[in-house]
Amino acid sequence: MRRLLSLGLAVLSLVLYTGCAANRREEAARIVEKHVAKVEPLTTQVNRVYWEAATTGKPEKFKELEQLQLQAKRIYTDLNDFNEIEVFRKSKTIHDPRLTRQLDKLYLNYLQNGIEPSLLEQVVKLDTKVQETYNNFRGTVDGRKVTISDVYTIMTTETDVAKREAAWRASKQVGDVIIKDFLALVRLRNQAARQVGFDNYHTMMIVTGEQNVNDLNRLFEELDRLTREPFAHLKQELDGILAAGYGVSPKELMPWHYHDPFFQRTPLVYELNLDQYYKGRDIEGMARKYYAGVGLPIDDILARSDLYDREGKYPHAFSHDVDRSGDVRVLANLQDTERWMETILHELGHAVYDRYKDMNEPWLLREPAHSFTTEAIAMFFGRLSRNADWMQEMLGLSDEETAKVRGVSDRYLRFQQVLFARWALVMWHFEKALYANPDQDLNTLWWDLVEKYQLLKRPAGPPDAGWASKLHFTTAPCYYHNYMLGELLASQLHNHLVHRVLKLESDESLSYVGDQRVGQYLRQYVFGPGARYRWDEMILRATGEPLTPKYFVEQFIE
């Protein structure tokens, strides 16, 4: 009823506005300015408190965050503001591209947050509770608390299978702790989405993210078809190596035999373990040196960042743009491993995107064109941790050692990309089903999808809610498909840089180390415009063609 009233008022207002055209642009600009005056300082405050909550785990900070987030979201429940924005969008009489883009972004924000105040309060309160529980929980092994970094270490180095299993199970324990509240949150999110005209929250987030569910379904069907056989072949080879190492048959391998709790990263089990090259190295220092060399210095980012593990701190990693005016930070829990080299390069990719956007753009446009376009930059840089030529330049490897690394690093990187596509298929289908029907047997559904797409064997006994330990369900709902789109765009940007910017015949022996043309291109065509253009227009302008899986397929599958 509320939504129908909104549309009715908008139609009436449209008639009135189209009858007095002289000041339409000025009036639209006033609406945007009024909105930014309210939301900009509050958003910055939310971001600062979130950083404090994530880095300390203090309950009072999560409580403060809850109140601020609720205050920020309430801005978007003003029906009069929403009507005014709808009027200008429907009139199509505003011909200033930056202004129309800001109106579009405002409309989508109002659309996904325009729910009843009491329901909004319930959503924000429960969301914050789940995040606080997740942030502060630590799994246990033999009664001893372990961090996620401890789990990673055990799963990449431990040969005792019982200890591996214990660590794997510890990484999943938070799922059972949060599952009741989390599913209640899913139901509340669905209720909110239905209030604004969507069938469920997942659909709403796709549409308000300027994407199309059917297009994404077709893309993932194609990726399934393209990666099914290559993945089966690569995994068969991997299983033979793992089984021999553990003294079991390949049929006896279980999820804890792999080197990641969700088997989303390739185990480093080929002839060389790349971790040995990062052992004892200054991971932070290498990242600093590399980014400076390509014309994207990060000294100020690192000065504000929180990079090392401690009690109460968020256990994973993220990049954080606090104010859209240059205060950009990274949270991490660094160790001297290839995983964390990749992670810090990845998160700093997000960070430089935010740091080097054009600060002269309006505040509403000072963000990435889309969440998957910033993922693309993060993945573009993150891939370098397994690039033999990059490793030679950054680690000072000899030609002989580099040749050894290249023999396995290309295999690791190819396997990683194919493996990730299979993992993304699990996440896409599961989260879509989760929001379509949160009352179904989700624990069994999870293992059905894992067996189908990742070819892993489910553990014996009744399935638990270990799947809910995947941080994205709680901190970034309905987001995971953007990682796969980011991989596609990362390959497309790589191809464009190689052939159009650097004017090379191929990417053979390409390290990207010390070449400032990389930073110049990204700052001009990707970072600088921010959200001035929709993601599809930005990609067309930056690469000369629409988003395509062609270059990802050429790079990693064919």
Protein backbone atom coordinates (compact mmCIF):
# COMPACT_ATOMS: atom_id res chain seq x y z
CA MET A 1 0.00 0.00 0.00
CA ARG A 2 2.80 2.38 0.95
CA ARG A 3 4.60 1.69 -2.35
CA LEU A 4 1.39 2.25 -4.39
CA LEU A 5 0.81 5.55 -2.58
CA SER A 6 4.36 6.56 -3.42
CA LEU A 7 3.84 5.83 -7.12
CA GLY A 8 0.55 7.69 -7.15
CA LEU A 9 2.07 10.78 -5.60
CA ALA A 10 4.99 10.56 -8.01
CA VAL A 11 2.67 10.53 -11.04
CA LEU A 12 0.79 13.56 -9.69
CA SER A 13 4.03 15.39 -8.99
CA LEU A 14 5.31 14.51 -12.46
CA VAL A 15 2.34 16.27 -14.03
CA LEU A 16 3.01 19.34 -11.90
CA TYR A 17 6.76 19.39 -12.55
CA THR A 18 6.53 18.95 -16.29
CA GLY A 19 4.29 22.00 -16.35
CA CYS A 20 7.00 24.31 -14.97
CA ALA A 21 10.25 23.46 -16.71
CA ALA A 22 12.32 26.60 -16.05
CA ASN A 23 13.92 25.59 -12.77
CA ARG A 24 13.91 21.81 -13.04
CA ARG A 25 17.68 21.39 -13.04
CA GLU A 26 18.15 23.78 -10.14
CA GLU A 27 15.44 22.02 -8.15
CA ALA A 28 16.97 18.60 -8.84
CA ALA A 29 20.40 19.88 -7.81
CA ARG A 30 18.87 21.28 -4.61
CA ILE A 31 17.40 17.87 -3.76
CA VAL A 32 20.77 16.18 -4.25
CA GLU A 33 22.58 18.85 -2.25
CA LYS A 34 20.07 18.59 0.59
CA HIS A 35 20.48 14.83 0.69
CA VAL A 36 24.29 14.91 0.67
CA ALA A 37 24.30 17.49 3.47
CA LYS A 38 22.44 14.98 5.63
CA VAL A 39 24.11 11.74 4.59
CA GLU A 40 27.79 12.62 4.07
CA PRO A 41 28.76 13.43 7.68
CA LEU A 42 26.67 10.56 9.03
CA THR A 43 28.19 8.06 6.58
CA THR A 44 31.68 9.14 7.61
CA GLN A 45 30.73 8.70 11.26
CA VAL A 46 29.31 5.22 10.57
CA ASN A 47 32.50 4.24 8.76
CA ARG A 48 34.74 5.45 11.59
CA VAL A 49 32.77 3.59 14.23
CA TYR A 50 32.68 0.45 12.09
CA TRP A 51 36.48 0.59 11.89
CA GLU A 52 36.71 0.92 15.66
CA ALA A 53 34.29 -1.99 16.16
CA ALA A 54 36.16 -4.21 13.68
CA THR A 55 39.59 -3.47 15.10
CA THR A 56 38.67 -3.77 18.79
CA GLY A 57 35.60 -6.02 18.99
CA LYS A 58 34.26 -3.81 21.81
CA PRO A 59 30.51 -4.33 22.48
CA GLU A 60 29.95 -0.62 23.06
CA LYS A 61 31.31 0.14 19.59
CA PHE A 62 28.94 -2.35 17.98
CA LYS A 63 26.07 -0.76 19.92
CA GLU A 64 27.11 2.69 18.71
CA LEU A 65 27.40 1.31 15.19
CA GLU A 66 23.89 -0.12 15.39
CA GLN A 67 22.41 3.25 16.35
CA LEU A 68 24.33 5.15 13.68
CA GLN A 69 23.43 2.68 10.94
CA LEU A 70 19.79 2.93 11.91
CA GLN A 71 19.99 6.71 11.83
CA ALA A 72 21.63 6.62 8.39
CA LYS A 73 19.08 4.20 6.94
CA ARG A 74 16.16 6.23 8.28
CA ILE A 75 17.15 9.02 5.92
CA TYR A 76 15.98 6.80 3.07
CA THR A 77 12.52 6.23 4.54
CA ASP A 78 11.35 9.80 3.80
CA LEU A 79 8.49 9.31 1.35
CA ASN A 80 8.49 12.93 0.20
CA ASP A 81 12.17 12.82 -0.73
CA PHE A 82 11.66 9.55 -2.60
CA ASN A 83 8.72 11.03 -4.51
CA GLU A 84 10.73 14.07 -5.57
CA ILE A 85 13.60 11.90 -6.82
CA GLU A 86 11.18 9.64 -8.70
CA VAL A 87 9.58 12.66 -10.36
CA PHE A 88 12.83 13.91 -11.83
CA ARG A 89 13.88 10.46 -13.03
CA LYS A 90 10.56 9.86 -14.76
CA SER A 91 10.42 13.33 -16.31
CA LYS A 92 13.66 12.74 -18.26
CA THR A 93 14.06 16.51 -18.42
CA ILE A 94 17.42 16.73 -16.61
CA HIS A 95 20.17 16.69 -19.21
CA ASP A 96 23.20 17.11 -16.95
CA PRO A 97 24.81 13.60 -16.97
CA ARG A 98 26.40 13.95 -13.53
CA LEU A 99 23.16 15.15 -12.01
CA THR A 100 21.07 12.39 -13.59
CA ARG A 101 23.61 9.82 -12.42
CA GLN A 102 23.33 11.11 -8.86
CA LEU A 103 19.53 10.97 -9.06
CA ASP A 104 19.75 7.37 -10.27
CA LYS A 105 21.98 6.39 -7.36
CA LEU A 106 19.72 8.13 -4.88
CA TYR A 107 16.67 6.39 -6.31
CA LEU A 108 18.22 2.95 -5.90
CA ASN A 109 19.32 3.71 -2.34
CA TYR A 110 15.85 4.90 -1.39
CA LEU A 111 14.26 1.92 -3.13
CA GLN A 112 16.19 -0.71 -1.15
CA ASN A 113 15.87 1.11 2.19
CA GLY A 114 12.32 2.44 1.94
CA ILE A 115 10.78 0.08 4.50
CA GLU A 116 8.66 0.57 7.58
CA PRO A 117 10.65 2.15 10.46
CA SER A 118 9.91 -0.64 12.93
CA LEU A 119 11.07 -3.31 10.49
CA LEU A 120 14.14 -1.27 9.58
CA GLU A 121 15.07 -1.11 13.26
CA GLN A 122 14.71 -4.88 13.63
CA VAL A 123 16.91 -5.52 10.57
CA VAL A 124 19.70 -3.19 11.67
CA LYS A 125 19.66 -4.44 15.27
CA LEU A 126 19.84 -8.11 14.32
CA ASP A 127 22.40 -7.49 11.58
CA THR A 128 24.70 -5.75 14.06
CA LYS A 129 24.24 -8.53 16.61
CA VAL A 130 25.21 -11.20 14.09
CA GLN A 131 28.26 -9.23 12.97
CA GLU A 132 29.41 -8.63 16.55
CA THR A 133 29.09 -12.34 17.38
CA TYR A 134 30.97 -13.30 14.23
CA ASN A 135 33.69 -10.69 14.83
CA ASN A 136 34.47 -11.86 18.37
CA PHE A 137 34.05 -15.61 18.01
CA ARG A 138 37.12 -17.84 17.95
CA GLY A 139 36.86 -21.55 17.28
CA THR A 140 38.57 -24.05 19.55
CA VAL A 141 40.86 -27.02 19.01
CA ASP A 142 41.30 -29.24 22.06
CA GLY A 143 39.92 -26.46 24.23
CA ARG A 144 42.35 -23.87 22.83
CA LYS A 145 41.07 -20.84 20.93
CA VAL A 146 42.41 -20.50 17.38
CA THR A 147 42.30 -17.59 14.94
CA ILE A 148 41.50 -18.01 11.28
CA SER A 149 45.21 -17.44 10.60
CA ASP A 150 45.95 -20.41 12.87
CA VAL A 151 43.48 -22.48 10.86
CA TYR A 152 45.15 -21.46 7.59
CA THR A 153 48.56 -22.42 8.98
CA ILE A 154 47.38 -25.84 10.17
CA MET A 155 45.58 -26.57 6.92
CA THR A 156 48.61 -25.69 4.79
CA THR A 157 51.36 -27.31 6.91
CA GLU A 158 49.96 -30.00 9.21
CA THR A 159 50.41 -33.63 8.13
CA ASP A 160 48.44 -35.12 11.04
CA VAL A 161 44.99 -35.66 9.54
CA ALA A 162 43.23 -35.61 12.93
CA LYS A 163 44.67 -32.16 13.63
CA ARG A 164 43.66 -30.99 10.17
CA GLU A 165 40.10 -32.15 10.73
CA ALA A 166 40.00 -30.45 14.13
CA ALA A 167 41.15 -27.15 12.59
CA TRP A 168 38.67 -27.45 9.72
CA ARG A 169 35.82 -28.06 12.18
CA ALA A 170 36.99 -25.17 14.36
CA SER A 171 36.72 -22.83 11.38
CA LYS A 172 33.06 -23.82 11.00
CA GLN A 173 31.97 -23.54 14.64
CA VAL A 174 30.82 -19.95 14.36
CA GLY A 175 28.17 -21.05 11.85
CA ASP A 176 26.27 -23.04 14.45
CA VAL A 177 26.63 -20.17 16.92
CA ILE A 178 25.06 -17.52 14.66
CA ILE A 179 22.68 -19.63 12.56
CA LYS A 180 19.47 -18.96 14.51
CA ASP A 181 19.93 -15.19 14.45
CA PHE A 182 21.23 -15.25 10.90
CA LEU A 183 18.18 -17.07 9.51
CA ALA A 184 15.92 -14.71 11.44
CA LEU A 185 17.81 -11.87 9.73
CA VAL A 186 17.30 -13.48 6.31
CA ARG A 187 13.55 -13.63 6.94
CA LEU A 188 13.48 -9.99 8.04
CA ARG A 189 15.44 -8.95 4.95
CA ASN A 190 12.96 -10.81 2.76
CA GLN A 191 10.07 -9.12 4.54
CA ALA A 192 11.69 -5.75 3.91
CA ALA A 193 12.26 -6.55 0.23
CA ARG A 194 8.62 -7.53 -0.25
CA GLN A 195 7.54 -4.21 1.22
CA VAL A 196 9.23 -2.40 -1.66
CA GLY A 197 7.99 -4.74 -4.38
CA PHE A 198 10.58 -7.53 -4.71
CA ASP A 199 10.04 -11.26 -4.29
CA ASN A 200 13.01 -11.54 -1.90
CA TYR A 201 16.09 -9.75 -0.64
CA HIS A 202 18.47 -11.46 -3.07
CA THR A 203 16.50 -10.21 -6.08
CA MET A 204 16.29 -6.72 -4.60
CA MET A 205 20.04 -6.49 -4.08
CA ILE A 206 20.75 -7.63 -7.65
CA VAL A 207 18.31 -5.15 -9.20
CA THR A 208 19.28 -2.20 -7.01
CA GLY A 209 22.88 -3.08 -7.83
CA GLU A 210 22.07 -2.32 -11.49
CA GLN A 211 22.32 -5.97 -12.51
CA ASN A 212 19.91 -8.55 -13.90
CA VAL A 213 19.23 -11.95 -12.32
CA ASN A 214 18.59 -13.66 -15.67
CA ASP A 215 21.83 -12.29 -17.13
CA LEU A 216 23.74 -13.60 -14.11
CA ASN A 217 22.05 -17.00 -14.36
CA ARG A 218 23.13 -17.28 -18.01
CA LEU A 219 26.68 -16.24 -17.15
CA PHE A 220 27.01 -18.85 -14.41
CA GLU A 221 25.52 -21.53 -16.66
CA GLU A 222 28.20 -20.71 -19.23
CA LEU A 223 30.96 -20.76 -16.63
CA ASP A 224 29.72 -24.12 -15.38
CA ARG A 225 29.89 -25.53 -18.89
CA LEU A 226 33.32 -24.05 -19.63
CA THR A 227 34.98 -25.08 -16.36
CA ARG A 228 33.39 -28.47 -15.60
CA GLU A 229 35.85 -30.69 -17.48
CA PRO A 230 39.02 -28.62 -16.87
CA PHE A 231 38.22 -28.57 -13.15
CA ALA A 232 37.55 -32.31 -12.98
CA HIS A 233 40.90 -32.97 -14.66
CA LEU A 234 42.83 -30.57 -12.40
CA LYS A 235 41.16 -31.88 -9.27
CA GLN A 236 41.87 -35.50 -10.23
CA GLU A 237 45.56 -34.62 -10.52
CA LEU A 238 45.45 -32.74 -7.20
CA ASP A 239 43.66 -35.59 -5.45
CA GLY A 240 46.37 -37.99 -6.53
CA ILE A 241 49.05 -35.75 -5.01
CA LEU A 242 47.11 -35.17 -1.78
CA ALA A 243 46.18 -38.84 -1.35
CA ALA A 244 49.80 -39.94 -1.77
CA GLY A 245 50.91 -37.37 0.79
CA TYR A 246 48.38 -38.50 3.38
CA GLY A 247 48.74 -42.22 2.63
CA VAL A 248 45.10 -42.69 1.65
CA SER A 249 43.25 -43.40 -1.59
CA PRO A 250 41.75 -40.46 -3.52
CA LYS A 251 38.27 -41.74 -2.64
CA GLU A 252 39.06 -41.29 1.04
CA LEU A 253 39.88 -37.59 0.76
CA MET A 254 37.67 -35.32 2.86
CA PRO A 255 37.27 -31.51 2.92
CA TRP A 256 39.92 -31.12 5.64
CA HIS A 257 42.55 -32.76 3.42
CA TYR A 258 42.49 -29.63 1.24
CA HIS A 259 44.27 -26.42 2.24
CA ASP A 260 41.37 -24.03 2.65
CA PRO A 261 38.25 -24.40 4.84
CA PHE A 262 36.01 -23.93 1.77
CA PHE A 263 38.39 -25.26 -0.91
CA GLN A 264 38.38 -21.87 -2.61
CA ARG A 265 42.17 -21.70 -2.93
CA THR A 266 44.53 -24.11 -4.64
CA PRO A 267 46.67 -26.18 -2.26
CA LEU A 268 50.37 -25.42 -2.81
CA VAL A 269 51.34 -29.04 -3.40
CA TYR A 270 53.01 -29.08 -6.80
CA GLU A 271 56.77 -29.47 -7.13
CA LEU A 272 57.29 -26.17 -5.29
CA ASN A 273 55.38 -24.69 -2.36
CA LEU A 274 55.29 -20.95 -3.05
CA ASP A 275 55.07 -20.17 0.66
CA GLN A 276 58.79 -20.87 0.97
CA TYR A 277 59.57 -17.78 -1.10
CA TYR A 278 57.61 -15.48 1.22
CA LYS A 279 58.86 -16.97 4.49
CA GLY A 280 60.70 -14.31 6.48
CA ARG A 281 59.86 -11.59 3.96
CA ASP A 282 58.41 -8.19 4.78
CA ILE A 283 54.99 -8.62 3.16
CA GLU A 284 53.88 -5.11 4.03
CA GLY A 285 57.13 -3.60 2.71
CA MET A 286 56.91 -5.47 -0.60
CA ALA A 287 53.35 -4.23 -1.13
CA ARG A 288 54.45 -0.68 -0.36
CA LYS A 289 57.34 -0.89 -2.82
CA TYR A 290 55.28 -2.47 -5.59
CA TYR A 291 52.40 -0.01 -5.55
CA ALA A 292 54.77 2.97 -5.45
CA GLY A 293 56.55 1.54 -8.49
CA VAL A 294 53.41 1.52 -10.63
CA GLY A 295 52.52 5.09 -9.69
CA LEU A 296 50.01 4.31 -6.96
CA PRO A 297 51.86 5.11 -3.69
CA ILE A 298 50.15 3.79 -0.56
CA ASP A 299 52.17 5.28 2.31
CA ASP A 300 49.20 7.24 3.67
CA ILE A 301 46.92 4.19 3.35
CA LEU A 302 49.31 1.97 5.29
CA ALA A 303 49.83 4.66 7.95
CA ARG A 304 46.11 4.45 8.80
CA SER A 305 45.83 0.69 8.44
CA ASP A 306 45.70 -2.14 11.01
CA LEU A 307 47.64 -5.06 9.56
CA TYR A 308 48.50 -7.60 12.27
CA ASP A 309 46.55 -10.15 14.30
CA ARG A 310 45.36 -9.63 17.86
CA GLU A 311 42.52 -10.63 20.18
CA GLY A 312 39.12 -9.07 19.50
CA LYS A 313 39.99 -7.94 15.98
CA TYR A 314 38.03 -8.92 12.88
CA PRO A 315 39.77 -12.15 11.77
CA HIS A 316 39.88 -11.67 8.00
CA ALA A 317 40.70 -8.62 5.84
CA PHE A 318 39.00 -5.68 4.13
CA SER A 319 39.64 -2.25 2.66
CA HIS A 320 37.72 0.71 4.10
CA ASP A 321 37.01 4.11 2.54
CA VAL A 322 36.06 6.20 5.55
CA ASP A 323 35.08 9.55 4.05
CA ARG A 324 35.35 9.40 0.22
CA SER A 325 37.92 12.19 0.58
CA GLY A 326 41.16 10.24 0.94
CA ASP A 327 40.91 8.50 4.33
CA VAL A 328 41.35 4.94 3.07
CA ARG A 329 42.56 2.05 5.27
CA VAL A 330 43.12 -1.68 5.21
CA LEU A 331 42.46 -4.21 7.95
CA ALA A 332 44.47 -7.44 7.68
CA ASN A 333 46.15 -10.09 9.83
CA LEU A 334 49.39 -10.50 7.92
CA GLN A 335 51.68 -13.52 7.97
CA ASP A 336 54.70 -14.26 5.76
CA THR A 337 52.83 -16.58 3.36
CA GLU A 338 51.74 -16.48 -0.26
CA ARG A 339 48.10 -16.36 0.90
CA TRP A 340 48.70 -13.14 2.81
CA MET A 341 50.84 -11.67 0.04
CA GLU A 342 47.89 -12.21 -2.28
CA THR A 343 45.48 -10.85 0.31
CA ILE A 344 47.33 -7.60 0.98
CA LEU A 345 47.84 -6.97 -2.76
CA HIS A 346 44.11 -7.63 -3.20
CA GLU A 347 42.93 -5.34 -0.40
CA LEU A 348 45.30 -2.59 -1.45
CA GLY A 349 43.81 -2.89 -4.94
CA HIS A 350 40.49 -1.87 -3.41
CA ALA A 351 42.25 0.85 -1.47
CA VAL A 352 44.00 2.51 -4.41
CA TYR A 353 40.71 2.50 -6.35
CA ASP A 354 39.18 4.57 -3.53
CA ARG A 355 42.29 6.66 -2.91
CA TYR A 356 42.84 7.73 -6.51
CA LYS A 357 39.33 8.54 -7.65
CA ASP A 358 38.80 12.15 -8.76
CA MET A 359 38.02 14.11 -5.58
CA ASN A 360 36.45 16.85 -7.72
CA GLU A 361 33.55 14.54 -8.56
CA PRO A 362 30.37 15.01 -6.49
CA TRP A 363 30.31 13.08 -3.22
CA LEU A 364 27.66 10.62 -4.46
CA LEU A 365 29.91 9.68 -7.39
CA ARG A 366 33.10 9.31 -5.35
CA GLU A 367 32.87 5.52 -5.19
CA PRO A 368 33.62 2.70 -7.65
CA ALA A 369 31.41 2.29 -10.71
CA HIS A 370 30.24 -0.99 -9.14
CA SER A 371 31.33 -3.31 -6.37
CA PHE A 372 32.57 -5.82 -8.96
CA THR A 373 34.73 -3.21 -10.70
CA THR A 374 36.69 -2.64 -7.50
CA GLU A 375 36.88 -6.43 -7.07
CA ALA A 376 38.40 -6.58 -10.54
CA ILE A 377 41.21 -4.24 -9.53
CA ALA A 378 41.79 -6.17 -6.32
CA MET A 379 42.00 -9.44 -8.26
CA PHE A 380 44.19 -7.93 -10.97
CA PHE A 381 46.81 -7.08 -8.34
CA GLY A 382 46.19 -10.11 -6.11
CA ARG A 383 47.09 -12.49 -8.94
CA LEU A 384 50.67 -11.17 -8.88
CA SER A 385 51.61 -13.19 -5.79
CA ARG A 386 51.74 -16.26 -8.08
CA ASN A 387 53.34 -14.52 -11.05
CA ALA A 388 56.90 -15.85 -11.49
CA ASP A 389 58.20 -12.66 -13.11
CA TRP A 390 56.69 -10.51 -10.38
CA MET A 391 58.22 -12.79 -7.77
CA GLN A 392 61.62 -12.52 -9.42
CA GLU A 393 61.50 -8.72 -9.41
CA MET A 394 60.11 -8.37 -5.90
CA LEU A 395 61.94 -11.25 -4.19
CA GLY A 396 65.23 -11.00 -6.07
CA LEU A 397 65.09 -14.54 -7.44
CA SER A 398 67.76 -15.77 -9.85
CA ASP A 399 66.85 -16.71 -13.40
CA GLU A 400 67.29 -20.36 -12.51
CA GLU A 401 64.99 -20.11 -9.48
CA THR A 402 62.45 -18.11 -11.47
CA ALA A 403 62.34 -20.81 -14.11
CA LYS A 404 61.53 -23.35 -11.40
CA VAL A 405 58.80 -21.11 -10.01
CA ARG A 406 57.32 -20.50 -13.45
CA GLY A 407 57.01 -24.22 -13.95
CA VAL A 408 54.47 -24.40 -11.13
CA SER A 409 53.17 -20.85 -10.66
CA ASP A 410 51.30 -20.85 -13.97
CA ARG A 411 49.67 -24.14 -13.01
CA TYR A 412 48.77 -22.78 -9.58
CA LEU A 413 47.29 -19.63 -11.07
CA ARG A 414 45.29 -21.47 -13.74
CA PHE A 415 43.97 -23.98 -11.22
CA GLN A 416 43.13 -21.14 -8.82
CA GLN A 417 40.96 -19.38 -11.38
CA VAL A 418 39.13 -22.52 -12.51
CA LEU A 419 38.69 -23.58 -8.88
CA PHE A 420 37.32 -20.18 -7.95
CA ALA A 421 34.75 -20.32 -10.74
CA ARG A 422 33.48 -23.63 -9.34
CA TRP A 423 33.38 -22.19 -5.82
CA ALA A 424 31.52 -19.09 -7.06
CA LEU A 425 28.91 -21.41 -8.58
CA VAL A 426 28.29 -22.89 -5.12
CA MET A 427 27.88 -19.46 -3.57
CA TRP A 428 25.62 -18.11 -6.35
CA HIS A 429 23.21 -21.03 -6.31
CA PHE A 430 23.18 -21.41 -2.53
CA GLU A 431 22.56 -17.78 -1.65
CA LYS A 432 19.86 -17.48 -4.29
CA ALA A 433 18.14 -20.55 -2.80
CA LEU A 434 18.70 -19.31 0.76
CA TYR A 435 16.67 -16.16 0.19
CA ALA A 436 14.11 -17.92 -2.00
CA ASN A 437 13.29 -20.29 0.89
CA PRO A 438 15.19 -19.91 4.18
CA ASP A 439 13.04 -22.63 5.77
CA GLN A 440 14.31 -25.48 3.59
CA ASP A 441 17.04 -27.92 4.64
CA LEU A 442 19.90 -25.54 3.94
CA ASN A 443 22.59 -27.70 5.52
CA THR A 444 21.88 -30.56 3.12
CA LEU A 445 21.48 -28.17 0.18
CA TRP A 446 24.95 -26.78 0.89
CA TRP A 447 26.62 -30.18 0.59
CA ASP A 448 24.56 -31.05 -2.48
CA LEU A 449 26.01 -27.99 -4.22
CA VAL A 450 29.54 -28.57 -2.91
CA GLU A 451 29.49 -32.15 -4.23
CA LYS A 452 28.09 -31.03 -7.58
CA TYR A 453 30.38 -28.09 -8.31
CA GLN A 454 33.51 -28.72 -6.22
CA LEU A 455 33.50 -32.55 -6.28
CA LEU A 456 34.13 -32.73 -2.54
CA LYS A 457 32.89 -35.55 -0.35
CA ARG A 458 30.51 -34.57 2.45
CA PRO A 459 31.44 -35.66 5.98
CA ALA A 460 29.49 -38.43 7.64
CA GLY A 461 26.73 -37.61 10.09
CA PRO A 462 24.00 -34.98 10.03
CA PRO A 463 25.11 -31.79 8.21
CA ASP A 464 25.58 -28.74 10.41
CA ALA A 465 25.48 -25.01 9.68
CA GLY A 466 29.20 -24.72 9.03
CA TRP A 467 28.39 -23.00 5.74
CA ALA A 468 27.29 -19.94 7.74
CA SER A 469 30.90 -19.46 8.85
CA LYS A 470 31.56 -18.01 5.39
CA LEU A 471 32.00 -14.35 6.30
CA HIS A 472 30.22 -12.99 3.23
CA PHE A 473 26.84 -14.32 4.33
CA THR A 474 27.00 -11.99 7.32
CA THR A 475 29.14 -9.03 6.22
CA ALA A 476 28.37 -8.82 2.48
CA PRO A 477 25.06 -10.54 1.68
CA CYS A 478 24.12 -11.25 -1.94
CA TYR A 479 27.52 -10.03 -3.07
CA TYR A 480 29.61 -13.05 -3.93
CA HIS A 481 28.77 -13.20 -7.64
CA ASN A 482 30.61 -9.89 -7.97
CA TYR A 483 33.89 -11.66 -7.27
CA MET A 484 33.39 -13.79 -10.36
CA LEU A 485 32.47 -10.76 -12.44
CA GLY A 486 35.59 -9.14 -11.03
CA GLU A 487 37.72 -12.04 -12.27
CA LEU A 488 36.29 -11.60 -15.75
CA LEU A 489 36.98 -7.86 -15.74
CA ALA A 490 40.47 -8.36 -14.29
CA SER A 491 41.35 -10.50 -17.31
CA GLN A 492 39.79 -7.96 -19.66
CA LEU A 493 41.81 -5.12 -18.11
CA HIS A 494 44.95 -7.26 -18.25
CA ASN A 495 44.41 -7.89 -21.96
CA HIS A 496 43.85 -4.19 -22.62
CA LEU A 497 46.94 -3.17 -20.69
CA VAL A 498 49.12 -5.71 -22.46
CA HIS A 499 48.02 -4.97 -26.01
CA ARG A 500 46.73 -1.38 -25.99
CA VAL A 501 48.61 0.40 -23.20
CA LEU A 502 51.97 -1.35 -23.01
CA LYS A 503 51.87 -2.29 -26.73
CA LEU A 504 53.18 -5.82 -26.17
CA GLU A 505 52.65 -8.88 -28.34
CA SER A 506 51.90 -11.05 -25.31
CA ASP A 507 52.11 -11.08 -21.52
CA GLU A 508 55.12 -13.41 -21.52
CA SER A 509 57.64 -12.34 -18.84
CA LEU A 510 55.35 -9.46 -17.83
CA SER A 511 55.62 -8.52 -14.13
CA TYR A 512 54.03 -5.03 -14.10
CA VAL A 513 56.80 -4.06 -11.64
CA GLY A 514 57.96 -0.45 -11.86
CA ASP A 515 55.82 0.49 -14.88
CA GLN A 516 54.00 3.71 -14.06
CA ARG A 517 51.86 3.41 -17.19
CA VAL A 518 49.78 0.88 -15.23
CA GLY A 519 48.85 3.43 -12.56
CA GLN A 520 48.35 6.20 -15.11
CA TYR A 521 45.89 4.14 -17.14
CA LEU A 522 43.92 2.96 -14.11
CA ARG A 523 43.75 6.43 -12.58
CA GLN A 524 42.50 7.98 -15.80
CA TYR A 525 40.01 5.40 -17.03
CA VAL A 526 38.92 3.36 -14.01
CA PHE A 527 39.62 5.07 -10.67
CA GLY A 528 39.20 8.70 -11.68
CA PRO A 529 35.62 8.61 -12.97
CA GLY A 530 34.38 6.84 -9.85
CA ALA A 531 30.67 6.21 -10.32
CA ARG A 532 30.21 8.94 -12.92
CA TYR A 533 29.27 6.22 -15.41
CA ARG A 534 27.30 3.03 -14.90
CA TRP A 535 29.59 0.01 -14.70
CA ASP A 536 28.84 -1.12 -18.24
CA GLU A 537 29.61 2.30 -19.72
CA MET A 538 32.79 2.62 -17.67
CA ILE A 539 34.07 -0.74 -18.93
CA LEU A 540 33.27 0.19 -22.52
CA ARG A 541 35.13 3.47 -22.16
CA ALA A 542 38.09 1.86 -20.38
CA THR A 543 38.60 -1.18 -22.63
CA GLY A 544 36.73 -0.39 -25.85
CA GLU A 545 34.29 -3.29 -25.48
CA PRO A 546 31.57 -4.54 -23.12
CA LEU A 547 32.30 -6.92 -20.26
CA THR A 548 33.08 -10.33 -21.70
CA PRO A 549 34.29 -13.69 -20.33
CA LYS A 550 36.42 -14.12 -23.47
CA TYR A 551 39.70 -12.97 -21.95
CA PHE A 552 39.25 -14.95 -18.74
CA VAL A 553 38.67 -18.07 -20.85
CA GLU A 554 41.72 -17.34 -23.03
CA GLN A 555 43.91 -16.68 -19.99
CA PHE A 556 42.95 -19.61 -17.79
CA ILE A 557 40.79 -22.22 -19.53
CA GLU A 558 41.76 -22.68 -23.16
